[in-house]
Structure formats: structure tokens, C-alpha cells
């Protein structure tokens, strides 16, 4: 079941696939109000919804990267605490992000 956030007037302002902090209003997937909201957002087709989820996944990956950085910086975990596969993926992303930063700073196009 989807979950929604609402504004002060009760109008849907966001849709989520699970409950989380501040998102506890469950709604039926076939609710007409949800269908109207999705249509207003340009999300009335499965392809549009897939695109939204793909974009959301990318933002979530960045959030996870930032969360790992924060936990390591605060000494709550060590890089070596991560499972090997996760540590390798995290390290690859960190290297790519650093290369991109350098590229943007010095303006070289062939660095990546």
C-alpha cells in the first residue's frame, strides 16, 4: 500500500512506497485522490512512475554515501566494518566523486 504526505488542507503532497518518519497516512492504490495526484505530477503511466523511481534511487544512493561518510567521520563505524562487497562499491563511488570534483575544479574533460 502506498503512503502519502498531505498539506494543511489535506491535499496529497507526496507519495511513498513505505511508511517513514512523517509519512504514515496509508492510502489504497486505487484511490481516486491518489490517481488525480499522480496525473497532476505527470505520473499516470507506469513508464513515468519507473522514471521517478529511478531518479529517487539515484538520490537514495547519494544519501547512503553521505550517511556512511557521517558514520565514519563520527567514529561510529570504520570502513573495514563494511562487508567487503559494500566497501568496494563505496570506495569506487568515492574515487569517482573525487575525480569528478577535480574535473570540475580544473576543467579537464578527459579525467574520467
N, C-alpha and C. Protein backbone atom coordinates (compact mmCIF):
# COMPACT_ATOMS: atom_id res chain seq x y z
N UNK A 1 0.84 -1.18 0.00
CA UNK A 1 0.00 0.00 0.00
C UNK A 1 0.88 1.24 0.00
N UNK A 2 0.52 2.23 -0.78
CA UNK A 2 1.28 3.49 -0.76
C UNK A 2 0.95 4.33 0.48
N UNK A 3 1.87 5.19 0.80
CA UNK A 3 1.71 6.15 1.90
C UNK A 3 1.84 7.54 1.32
N UNK A 4 1.13 8.49 1.90
CA UNK A 4 1.15 9.85 1.36
C UNK A 4 1.43 10.86 2.48
N UNK A 5 1.93 12.01 2.04
CA UNK A 5 2.00 13.17 2.92
C UNK A 5 0.95 14.14 2.41
N UNK A 6 0.47 14.97 3.31
CA UNK A 6 -0.59 15.93 2.96
C UNK A 6 -0.23 17.31 3.49
N UNK A 7 -0.77 18.33 2.81
CA UNK A 7 -0.58 19.69 3.31
C UNK A 7 -1.65 19.99 4.37
N UNK A 8 -1.67 21.21 4.86
CA UNK A 8 -2.60 21.58 5.93
C UNK A 8 -4.07 21.43 5.53
N UNK A 9 -4.32 21.53 4.22
CA UNK A 9 -5.72 21.40 3.77
C UNK A 9 -6.10 19.95 3.48
N UNK A 10 -5.16 19.02 3.65
CA UNK A 10 -5.45 17.61 3.42
C UNK A 10 -5.13 17.13 2.02
N UNK A 11 -4.60 18.01 1.17
CA UNK A 11 -4.27 17.63 -0.20
C UNK A 11 -2.95 16.85 -0.22
N UNK A 12 -2.91 15.79 -1.03
CA UNK A 12 -1.70 14.97 -1.13
C UNK A 12 -0.55 15.80 -1.69
N UNK A 13 0.61 15.68 -1.03
CA UNK A 13 1.80 16.40 -1.49
C UNK A 13 2.96 15.47 -1.84
N UNK A 14 2.85 14.20 -1.48
CA UNK A 14 3.91 13.25 -1.79
C UNK A 14 3.41 11.83 -1.62
N UNK A 15 4.05 10.91 -2.34
CA UNK A 15 3.68 9.50 -2.29
C UNK A 15 4.94 8.68 -2.03
N UNK A 16 4.83 7.70 -1.15
CA UNK A 16 5.95 6.85 -0.77
C UNK A 16 5.49 5.40 -0.77
N UNK A 17 6.44 4.50 -0.97
CA UNK A 17 6.07 3.08 -1.01
C UNK A 17 6.11 2.42 0.36
N UNK A 18 6.56 3.16 1.38
CA UNK A 18 6.57 2.61 2.74
C UNK A 18 6.46 3.75 3.75
N UNK A 19 6.05 3.39 4.94
CA UNK A 19 5.93 4.39 6.00
C UNK A 19 7.33 4.78 6.45
N UNK A 20 7.50 6.03 6.79
CA UNK A 20 8.75 6.52 7.36
C UNK A 20 8.41 7.72 8.24
N UNK A 21 9.40 8.32 8.83
CA UNK A 21 9.15 9.44 9.73
C UNK A 21 8.36 10.51 8.98
N UNK A 22 7.23 10.89 9.53
CA UNK A 22 6.40 11.93 8.92
C UNK A 22 5.51 11.44 7.80
N UNK A 23 5.58 10.15 7.48
CA UNK A 23 4.79 9.58 6.39
C UNK A 23 4.09 8.34 6.91
N UNK A 24 2.88 8.53 7.41
CA UNK A 24 2.18 7.38 7.98
C UNK A 24 0.74 7.25 7.47
N UNK A 25 0.35 8.10 6.55
CA UNK A 25 -1.02 8.09 6.02
C UNK A 25 -1.10 7.09 4.86
N UNK A 26 -1.61 5.90 5.16
CA UNK A 26 -1.74 4.85 4.14
C UNK A 26 -2.96 5.14 3.27
N UNK A 27 -2.85 4.82 1.97
CA UNK A 27 -3.93 5.07 1.04
C UNK A 27 -4.04 3.88 0.08
N UNK A 28 -5.25 3.57 -0.36
CA UNK A 28 -5.43 2.47 -1.30
C UNK A 28 -4.80 2.83 -2.65
N UNK A 29 -4.17 1.88 -3.33
CA UNK A 29 -3.57 2.18 -4.63
C UNK A 29 -4.57 2.64 -5.68
N UNK A 30 -5.84 2.24 -5.51
CA UNK A 30 -6.86 2.63 -6.49
C UNK A 30 -7.67 3.84 -6.04
N UNK A 31 -7.22 4.54 -5.01
CA UNK A 31 -7.94 5.71 -4.52
C UNK A 31 -7.95 6.80 -5.60
N UNK A 32 -9.12 7.36 -5.93
CA UNK A 32 -9.21 8.40 -6.97
C UNK A 32 -8.35 9.63 -6.65
N UNK A 33 -8.24 9.98 -5.37
CA UNK A 33 -7.41 11.14 -4.99
C UNK A 33 -5.94 10.89 -5.34
N UNK A 34 -5.48 9.67 -5.13
CA UNK A 34 -4.10 9.31 -5.48
C UNK A 34 -3.92 9.36 -7.00
N UNK A 35 -4.90 8.83 -7.73
CA UNK A 35 -4.83 8.86 -9.20
C UNK A 35 -4.75 10.30 -9.72
N UNK A 36 -5.55 11.21 -9.13
CA UNK A 36 -5.51 12.62 -9.53
C UNK A 36 -4.14 13.24 -9.24
N UNK A 37 -3.61 12.95 -8.04
CA UNK A 37 -2.30 13.49 -7.68
C UNK A 37 -1.23 13.01 -8.67
N UNK A 38 -1.23 11.71 -8.96
CA UNK A 38 -0.23 11.16 -9.87
C UNK A 38 -0.37 11.76 -11.27
N UNK A 39 -1.61 11.93 -11.73
CA UNK A 39 -1.84 12.54 -13.04
C UNK A 39 -1.34 13.99 -13.05
N UNK A 40 -1.61 14.73 -11.97
CA UNK A 40 -1.14 16.12 -11.87
C UNK A 40 0.38 16.20 -11.89
N UNK A 41 1.04 15.16 -11.38
CA UNK A 41 2.50 15.13 -11.34
C UNK A 41 3.10 14.55 -12.62
N UNK A 42 2.25 14.19 -13.57
CA UNK A 42 2.72 13.56 -14.80
C UNK A 42 3.13 12.12 -14.59
N UNK A 43 2.54 11.47 -13.58
CA UNK A 43 2.92 10.11 -13.22
C UNK A 43 1.77 9.13 -13.41
N UNK A 44 1.01 9.32 -14.45
CA UNK A 44 -0.15 8.45 -14.63
C UNK A 44 0.19 7.18 -15.40
N UNK A 45 1.38 7.11 -15.99
CA UNK A 45 1.74 5.89 -16.72
C UNK A 45 2.82 5.12 -15.96
N UNK A 46 2.88 3.82 -16.15
CA UNK A 46 3.92 3.02 -15.49
C UNK A 46 5.34 3.49 -15.85
N UNK A 47 5.55 3.91 -17.11
CA UNK A 47 6.88 4.39 -17.51
C UNK A 47 7.27 5.65 -16.75
N UNK A 48 6.33 6.56 -16.55
CA UNK A 48 6.62 7.78 -15.81
C UNK A 48 6.94 7.47 -14.35
N UNK A 49 6.23 6.51 -13.79
CA UNK A 49 6.48 6.12 -12.40
C UNK A 49 7.84 5.44 -12.29
N UNK A 50 8.18 4.59 -13.25
CA UNK A 50 9.50 3.94 -13.25
C UNK A 50 10.61 4.99 -13.31
N UNK A 51 10.42 6.01 -14.14
CA UNK A 51 11.41 7.07 -14.25
C UNK A 51 11.57 7.81 -12.92
N UNK A 52 10.47 8.10 -12.27
CA UNK A 52 10.52 8.76 -10.97
C UNK A 52 11.26 7.90 -9.96
N UNK A 53 10.97 6.60 -9.94
CA UNK A 53 11.65 5.70 -9.01
C UNK A 53 13.14 5.61 -9.32
N UNK A 54 13.51 5.59 -10.58
CA UNK A 54 14.93 5.54 -10.94
C UNK A 54 15.66 6.79 -10.44
N UNK A 55 15.03 7.95 -10.61
CA UNK A 55 15.63 9.20 -10.12
C UNK A 55 15.71 9.19 -8.60
N UNK A 56 14.69 8.67 -7.95
CA UNK A 56 14.69 8.57 -6.50
C UNK A 56 15.79 7.62 -6.02
N UNK A 57 15.99 6.52 -6.74
CA UNK A 57 17.04 5.57 -6.39
C UNK A 57 18.41 6.25 -6.42
N UNK A 58 18.64 7.08 -7.42
CA UNK A 58 19.93 7.78 -7.51
C UNK A 58 20.13 8.71 -6.31
N UNK A 59 19.07 9.40 -5.91
CA UNK A 59 19.18 10.28 -4.74
C UNK A 59 19.40 9.47 -3.47
N UNK A 60 18.78 8.30 -3.39
CA UNK A 60 18.96 7.45 -2.22
C UNK A 60 20.40 6.93 -2.13
N UNK A 61 20.99 6.60 -3.28
CA UNK A 61 22.38 6.14 -3.28
C UNK A 61 23.28 7.23 -2.71
N UNK A 62 23.05 8.46 -3.13
CA UNK A 62 23.85 9.57 -2.62
C UNK A 62 23.61 9.75 -1.12
N UNK A 63 22.38 9.58 -0.68
CA UNK A 63 22.06 9.67 0.74
C UNK A 63 22.81 8.61 1.54
N UNK A 64 22.85 7.39 1.01
CA UNK A 64 23.57 6.31 1.69
C UNK A 64 25.06 6.63 1.75
N UNK A 65 25.62 7.13 0.64
CA UNK A 65 27.03 7.54 0.64
C UNK A 65 27.29 8.57 1.75
N UNK A 66 26.44 9.57 1.81
CA UNK A 66 26.61 10.63 2.81
C UNK A 66 26.45 10.09 4.23
N UNK A 67 25.53 9.16 4.41
CA UNK A 67 25.32 8.55 5.73
C UNK A 67 26.55 7.75 6.15
N UNK A 68 27.12 6.97 5.23
CA UNK A 68 28.33 6.22 5.55
C UNK A 68 29.46 7.18 5.90
N UNK A 69 29.62 8.26 5.12
CA UNK A 69 30.63 9.28 5.42
C UNK A 69 30.45 9.81 6.84
N UNK A 70 29.23 10.14 7.18
CA UNK A 70 28.94 10.71 8.50
C UNK A 70 29.28 9.71 9.62
N UNK A 71 28.87 8.46 9.45
CA UNK A 71 29.15 7.45 10.47
C UNK A 71 30.64 7.22 10.63
N UNK A 72 31.38 7.22 9.53
CA UNK A 72 32.83 7.05 9.60
C UNK A 72 33.47 8.28 10.25
N UNK A 73 33.05 9.49 9.83
CA UNK A 73 33.60 10.72 10.39
C UNK A 73 33.38 10.82 11.90
N UNK A 74 32.24 10.34 12.37
CA UNK A 74 31.94 10.40 13.80
C UNK A 74 32.54 9.23 14.57
N UNK A 75 33.21 8.33 13.86
CA UNK A 75 33.85 7.20 14.50
C UNK A 75 32.89 6.12 14.97
N UNK A 76 31.67 6.14 14.45
CA UNK A 76 30.68 5.14 14.84
C UNK A 76 30.89 3.82 14.12
N UNK A 77 31.45 3.89 12.93
CA UNK A 77 31.86 2.69 12.20
C UNK A 77 33.21 2.97 11.56
N UNK A 78 33.89 1.90 11.18
CA UNK A 78 35.13 2.01 10.41
C UNK A 78 34.85 1.49 9.02
N UNK A 79 35.60 1.97 8.06
CA UNK A 79 35.44 1.49 6.69
C UNK A 79 35.54 -0.02 6.66
N UNK A 80 36.43 -0.58 7.46
CA UNK A 80 36.64 -2.03 7.48
C UNK A 80 35.46 -2.79 8.10
N UNK A 81 34.54 -2.07 8.75
CA UNK A 81 33.33 -2.71 9.28
C UNK A 81 32.34 -3.08 8.17
N UNK A 82 32.46 -2.42 7.04
CA UNK A 82 31.54 -2.70 5.92
C UNK A 82 31.85 -4.07 5.34
N UNK A 83 30.83 -4.80 4.89
CA UNK A 83 31.11 -6.04 4.17
C UNK A 83 32.01 -5.74 2.97
N UNK A 84 32.83 -6.69 2.58
CA UNK A 84 33.82 -6.45 1.52
C UNK A 84 33.20 -5.88 0.25
N UNK A 85 32.12 -6.48 -0.22
CA UNK A 85 31.50 -6.01 -1.47
C UNK A 85 30.97 -4.58 -1.31
N UNK A 86 30.36 -4.29 -0.17
CA UNK A 86 29.84 -2.94 0.06
C UNK A 86 30.97 -1.93 0.16
N UNK A 87 32.05 -2.30 0.84
CA UNK A 87 33.21 -1.41 0.96
C UNK A 87 33.82 -1.11 -0.39
N UNK A 88 33.90 -2.12 -1.25
CA UNK A 88 34.46 -1.92 -2.58
C UNK A 88 33.60 -0.97 -3.41
N UNK A 89 32.29 -1.16 -3.37
CA UNK A 89 31.38 -0.28 -4.12
C UNK A 89 31.45 1.14 -3.58
N UNK A 90 31.48 1.26 -2.26
CA UNK A 90 31.57 2.58 -1.63
C UNK A 90 32.87 3.27 -2.05
N UNK A 91 33.97 2.54 -2.01
CA UNK A 91 35.27 3.11 -2.38
C UNK A 91 35.29 3.53 -3.84
N UNK A 92 34.73 2.71 -4.72
CA UNK A 92 34.66 3.06 -6.15
C UNK A 92 33.87 4.35 -6.35
N UNK A 93 32.78 4.50 -5.62
CA UNK A 93 31.98 5.73 -5.74
C UNK A 93 32.73 6.93 -5.21
N UNK A 94 33.46 6.75 -4.10
CA UNK A 94 34.23 7.85 -3.54
C UNK A 94 35.31 8.31 -4.51
N UNK A 95 35.99 7.36 -5.14
CA UNK A 95 37.03 7.70 -6.12
C UNK A 95 36.42 8.44 -7.30
N UNK A 96 35.30 7.94 -7.80
CA UNK A 96 34.64 8.59 -8.93
C UNK A 96 34.20 10.01 -8.57
N UNK A 97 33.66 10.19 -7.36
CA UNK A 97 33.22 11.53 -6.94
C UNK A 97 34.41 12.48 -6.83
N UNK A 98 35.54 12.00 -6.30
CA UNK A 98 36.74 12.83 -6.19
C UNK A 98 37.26 13.22 -7.57
N UNK A 99 37.27 12.26 -8.50
CA UNK A 99 37.71 12.56 -9.87
C UNK A 99 36.81 13.61 -10.51
N UNK A 100 35.52 13.48 -10.29
CA UNK A 100 34.58 14.46 -10.84
C UNK A 100 34.81 15.83 -10.24
N UNK A 101 35.06 15.89 -8.94
CA UNK A 101 35.35 17.18 -8.29
C UNK A 101 36.58 17.81 -8.91
N UNK A 102 37.63 17.02 -9.10
CA UNK A 102 38.87 17.54 -9.69
C UNK A 102 38.59 18.03 -11.10
N UNK A 103 37.83 17.25 -11.85
CA UNK A 103 37.46 17.62 -13.21
C UNK A 103 36.74 18.96 -13.24
N UNK A 104 35.81 19.15 -12.33
CA UNK A 104 35.05 20.40 -12.29
C UNK A 104 35.93 21.57 -11.87
N UNK A 105 36.88 21.32 -10.98
CA UNK A 105 37.75 22.39 -10.49
C UNK A 105 38.75 22.83 -11.55
N UNK A 106 39.41 21.86 -12.20
CA UNK A 106 40.45 22.25 -13.15
C UNK A 106 39.94 22.30 -14.58
N UNK A 107 38.73 21.83 -14.80
CA UNK A 107 38.10 21.97 -16.12
C UNK A 107 38.60 21.01 -17.16
N UNK A 108 39.30 19.95 -16.77
CA UNK A 108 39.76 18.96 -17.77
C UNK A 108 38.62 18.01 -18.08
N UNK A 109 38.44 17.73 -19.35
CA UNK A 109 37.34 16.88 -19.77
C UNK A 109 37.72 15.40 -19.84
N UNK A 110 39.00 15.08 -19.87
CA UNK A 110 39.42 13.69 -20.06
C UNK A 110 39.82 13.00 -18.77
N UNK A 111 39.54 13.57 -17.63
CA UNK A 111 39.99 12.99 -16.37
C UNK A 111 39.24 11.71 -16.03
N UNK A 112 37.96 11.63 -16.37
CA UNK A 112 37.19 10.41 -16.09
C UNK A 112 37.31 9.51 -17.28
